[in-house]
């Protein structure tokens, strides 16, 4: 049950990070050369991509550790 809850939470966070990538891309495209908006968009994109990487690493780590602890084998 714990593994299912953690996987759901990580999936939700992954979806949120993808939405932030889309928002950052939209902000970048619609900045019209405004340096402040370009800087903000690049920062959003950087943090969203870092979030996706952290989420993927934690997903793999949690599934490996909890899967080994429960004795389940991955298909």
N, C-alpha and C. Protein backbone atom coordinates (compact mmCIF):
# COMPACT_ATOMS: atom_id res chain seq x y z
N UNK A 1 0.83 -1.19 0.00
CA UNK A 1 0.00 0.00 0.00
C UNK A 1 0.87 1.25 0.00
N UNK A 2 1.94 1.24 0.78
CA UNK A 2 2.83 2.39 0.85
C UNK A 2 3.46 2.67 -0.51
N UNK A 3 3.85 1.62 -1.20
CA UNK A 3 4.45 1.77 -2.53
C UNK A 3 3.46 2.39 -3.51
N UNK A 4 2.21 1.99 -3.45
CA UNK A 4 1.19 2.56 -4.33
C UNK A 4 0.97 4.04 -4.04
N UNK A 5 0.95 4.41 -2.77
CA UNK A 5 0.76 5.82 -2.40
C UNK A 5 1.94 6.66 -2.87
N UNK A 6 3.15 6.16 -2.67
CA UNK A 6 4.34 6.90 -3.09
C UNK A 6 4.40 7.02 -4.61
N UNK A 7 4.06 5.95 -5.32
CA UNK A 7 4.04 6.01 -6.78
C UNK A 7 3.00 7.00 -7.29
N UNK A 8 1.84 7.06 -6.63
CA UNK A 8 0.82 8.02 -7.02
C UNK A 8 1.31 9.45 -6.79
N UNK A 9 1.93 9.70 -5.64
CA UNK A 9 2.43 11.04 -5.33
C UNK A 9 3.52 11.45 -6.31
N UNK A 10 4.43 10.54 -6.63
CA UNK A 10 5.49 10.86 -7.58
C UNK A 10 4.93 11.08 -8.99
N UNK A 11 3.92 10.33 -9.35
CA UNK A 11 3.27 10.54 -10.64
C UNK A 11 2.60 11.90 -10.72
N UNK A 12 1.95 12.30 -9.65
CA UNK A 12 1.32 13.62 -9.59
C UNK A 12 2.38 14.72 -9.68
N UNK A 13 3.47 14.56 -8.96
CA UNK A 13 4.54 15.55 -9.02
C UNK A 13 5.17 15.61 -10.41
N UNK A 14 5.28 14.47 -11.08
CA UNK A 14 5.79 14.45 -12.44
C UNK A 14 4.87 15.20 -13.38
N UNK A 15 3.58 15.01 -13.22
CA UNK A 15 2.60 15.74 -14.04
C UNK A 15 2.71 17.23 -13.79
N UNK A 16 2.85 17.62 -12.54
CA UNK A 16 3.00 19.03 -12.19
C UNK A 16 4.28 19.61 -12.80
N UNK A 17 5.37 18.86 -12.80
CA UNK A 17 6.62 19.33 -13.39
C UNK A 17 6.49 19.50 -14.90
N UNK A 18 5.79 18.59 -15.55
CA UNK A 18 5.57 18.72 -17.00
C UNK A 18 4.72 19.95 -17.31
N UNK A 19 3.73 20.22 -16.49
CA UNK A 19 2.91 21.42 -16.66
C UNK A 19 3.77 22.67 -16.49
N UNK A 20 4.71 22.63 -15.55
CA UNK A 20 5.60 23.78 -15.35
C UNK A 20 6.54 23.97 -16.56
N UNK A 21 6.96 22.87 -17.18
CA UNK A 21 7.77 22.98 -18.40
C UNK A 21 6.96 23.65 -19.50
N UNK A 22 5.70 23.26 -19.64
CA UNK A 22 4.84 23.86 -20.66
C UNK A 22 4.63 25.34 -20.36
N UNK A 23 4.39 25.68 -19.09
CA UNK A 23 4.20 27.07 -18.70
C UNK A 23 5.46 27.89 -18.96
N UNK A 24 6.62 27.35 -18.60
CA UNK A 24 7.89 28.04 -18.84
C UNK A 24 8.14 28.25 -20.32
N UNK A 25 7.82 27.25 -21.12
CA UNK A 25 7.98 27.39 -22.57
C UNK A 25 7.05 28.44 -23.14
N UNK A 26 5.82 28.46 -22.67
CA UNK A 26 4.86 29.48 -23.13
C UNK A 26 5.33 30.87 -22.73
N UNK A 27 5.81 31.00 -21.50
CA UNK A 27 6.30 32.29 -21.03
C UNK A 27 7.51 32.73 -21.84
N UNK A 28 8.38 31.79 -22.20
CA UNK A 28 9.57 32.10 -22.99
C UNK A 28 9.18 32.58 -24.39
N UNK A 29 8.24 31.88 -25.00
CA UNK A 29 7.83 32.23 -26.36
C UNK A 29 7.08 33.56 -26.38
N UNK A 30 6.29 33.81 -25.36
CA UNK A 30 5.48 35.03 -25.35
C UNK A 30 6.16 36.21 -24.67
N UNK A 31 7.45 36.10 -24.35
CA UNK A 31 8.14 37.18 -23.65
C UNK A 31 8.42 38.38 -24.56
N UNK A 32 8.44 38.19 -25.85
CA UNK A 32 8.62 39.26 -26.84
C UNK A 32 9.89 40.06 -26.58
N UNK A 33 10.95 39.39 -26.18
CA UNK A 33 12.23 40.05 -25.99
C UNK A 33 12.41 40.74 -24.66
N UNK A 34 11.41 40.70 -23.80
CA UNK A 34 11.52 41.30 -22.47
C UNK A 34 12.48 40.46 -21.64
N UNK A 35 13.62 41.05 -21.29
CA UNK A 35 14.68 40.30 -20.61
C UNK A 35 14.24 39.73 -19.27
N UNK A 36 13.39 40.45 -18.55
CA UNK A 36 12.91 39.97 -17.25
C UNK A 36 12.07 38.72 -17.40
N UNK A 37 11.18 38.72 -18.40
CA UNK A 37 10.34 37.54 -18.63
C UNK A 37 11.15 36.37 -19.17
N UNK A 38 12.15 36.65 -20.00
CA UNK A 38 13.01 35.59 -20.52
C UNK A 38 13.77 34.94 -19.38
N UNK A 39 14.31 35.75 -18.47
CA UNK A 39 15.04 35.23 -17.32
C UNK A 39 14.13 34.39 -16.43
N UNK A 40 12.90 34.87 -16.21
CA UNK A 40 11.93 34.13 -15.40
C UNK A 40 11.58 32.80 -16.06
N UNK A 41 11.37 32.81 -17.37
CA UNK A 41 11.02 31.59 -18.09
C UNK A 41 12.16 30.57 -18.05
N UNK A 42 13.38 31.04 -18.23
CA UNK A 42 14.52 30.12 -18.18
C UNK A 42 14.68 29.51 -16.79
N UNK A 43 14.42 30.31 -15.77
CA UNK A 43 14.51 29.80 -14.40
C UNK A 43 13.42 28.75 -14.14
N UNK A 44 12.21 29.00 -14.62
CA UNK A 44 11.12 28.04 -14.46
C UNK A 44 11.46 26.74 -15.18
N UNK A 45 11.98 26.84 -16.40
CA UNK A 45 12.34 25.64 -17.16
C UNK A 45 13.45 24.87 -16.48
N UNK A 46 14.46 25.57 -15.96
CA UNK A 46 15.55 24.90 -15.28
C UNK A 46 15.06 24.13 -14.06
N UNK A 47 14.26 24.79 -13.24
CA UNK A 47 13.76 24.15 -12.02
C UNK A 47 12.80 23.01 -12.34
N UNK A 48 12.01 23.14 -13.39
CA UNK A 48 11.08 22.08 -13.76
C UNK A 48 11.85 20.84 -14.25
N UNK A 49 12.89 21.05 -15.05
CA UNK A 49 13.68 19.92 -15.54
C UNK A 49 14.42 19.26 -14.38
N UNK A 50 14.98 20.07 -13.47
CA UNK A 50 15.62 19.50 -12.29
C UNK A 50 14.61 18.71 -11.46
N UNK A 51 13.40 19.21 -11.35
CA UNK A 51 12.36 18.49 -10.62
C UNK A 51 12.04 17.16 -11.26
N UNK A 52 11.96 17.13 -12.58
CA UNK A 52 11.68 15.88 -13.29
C UNK A 52 12.79 14.87 -13.05
N UNK A 53 14.03 15.33 -13.09
CA UNK A 53 15.17 14.43 -12.86
C UNK A 53 15.11 13.88 -11.43
N UNK A 54 14.86 14.74 -10.45
CA UNK A 54 14.77 14.29 -9.06
C UNK A 54 13.62 13.32 -8.87
N UNK A 55 12.49 13.58 -9.50
CA UNK A 55 11.33 12.70 -9.39
C UNK A 55 11.64 11.33 -9.99
N UNK A 56 12.30 11.30 -11.15
CA UNK A 56 12.64 10.01 -11.77
C UNK A 56 13.62 9.22 -10.92
N UNK A 57 14.62 9.90 -10.36
CA UNK A 57 15.58 9.22 -9.50
C UNK A 57 14.90 8.68 -8.26
N UNK A 58 14.04 9.48 -7.64
CA UNK A 58 13.36 9.02 -6.43
C UNK A 58 12.39 7.89 -6.74
N UNK A 59 11.75 7.93 -7.90
CA UNK A 59 10.86 6.85 -8.30
C UNK A 59 11.63 5.53 -8.40
N UNK A 60 12.77 5.58 -9.07
CA UNK A 60 13.58 4.37 -9.22
C UNK A 60 14.10 3.88 -7.87
N UNK A 61 14.55 4.80 -7.05
CA UNK A 61 15.09 4.44 -5.75
C UNK A 61 14.02 3.84 -4.84
N UNK A 62 12.87 4.47 -4.77
CA UNK A 62 11.79 3.98 -3.90
C UNK A 62 11.31 2.62 -4.37
N UNK A 63 11.11 2.45 -5.68
CA UNK A 63 10.65 1.16 -6.18
C UNK A 63 11.68 0.07 -5.97
N UNK A 64 12.95 0.40 -6.08
CA UNK A 64 14.00 -0.60 -5.84
C UNK A 64 14.03 -1.00 -4.37
N UNK A 65 14.04 -0.03 -3.49
CA UNK A 65 14.16 -0.32 -2.07
C UNK A 65 12.90 -0.99 -1.53
N UNK A 66 11.74 -0.42 -1.80
CA UNK A 66 10.50 -1.01 -1.27
C UNK A 66 10.16 -2.32 -1.98
N UNK A 67 10.52 -2.43 -3.25
CA UNK A 67 10.29 -3.68 -3.96
C UNK A 67 11.14 -4.80 -3.41
N UNK A 68 12.37 -4.49 -3.06
CA UNK A 68 13.26 -5.49 -2.48
C UNK A 68 12.81 -5.85 -1.06
N UNK A 69 12.34 -4.87 -0.33
CA UNK A 69 11.90 -5.12 1.03
C UNK A 69 10.63 -5.97 1.09
N UNK A 70 9.77 -5.79 0.08
CA UNK A 70 8.53 -6.56 0.08
C UNK A 70 8.70 -7.92 -0.60
N UNK A 71 9.81 -8.12 -1.27
CA UNK A 71 10.07 -9.40 -1.91
C UNK A 71 9.42 -9.54 -3.27
N UNK A 72 8.90 -8.45 -3.83
CA UNK A 72 8.29 -8.49 -5.15
C UNK A 72 9.36 -8.39 -6.22
N UNK A 73 9.13 -9.05 -7.33
CA UNK A 73 10.05 -8.98 -8.46
C UNK A 73 9.41 -8.15 -9.55
N UNK A 74 10.23 -7.31 -10.17
CA UNK A 74 9.73 -6.48 -11.26
C UNK A 74 9.53 -7.35 -12.50
N UNK A 75 8.50 -7.04 -13.26
CA UNK A 75 8.20 -7.82 -14.46
C UNK A 75 9.04 -7.37 -15.61
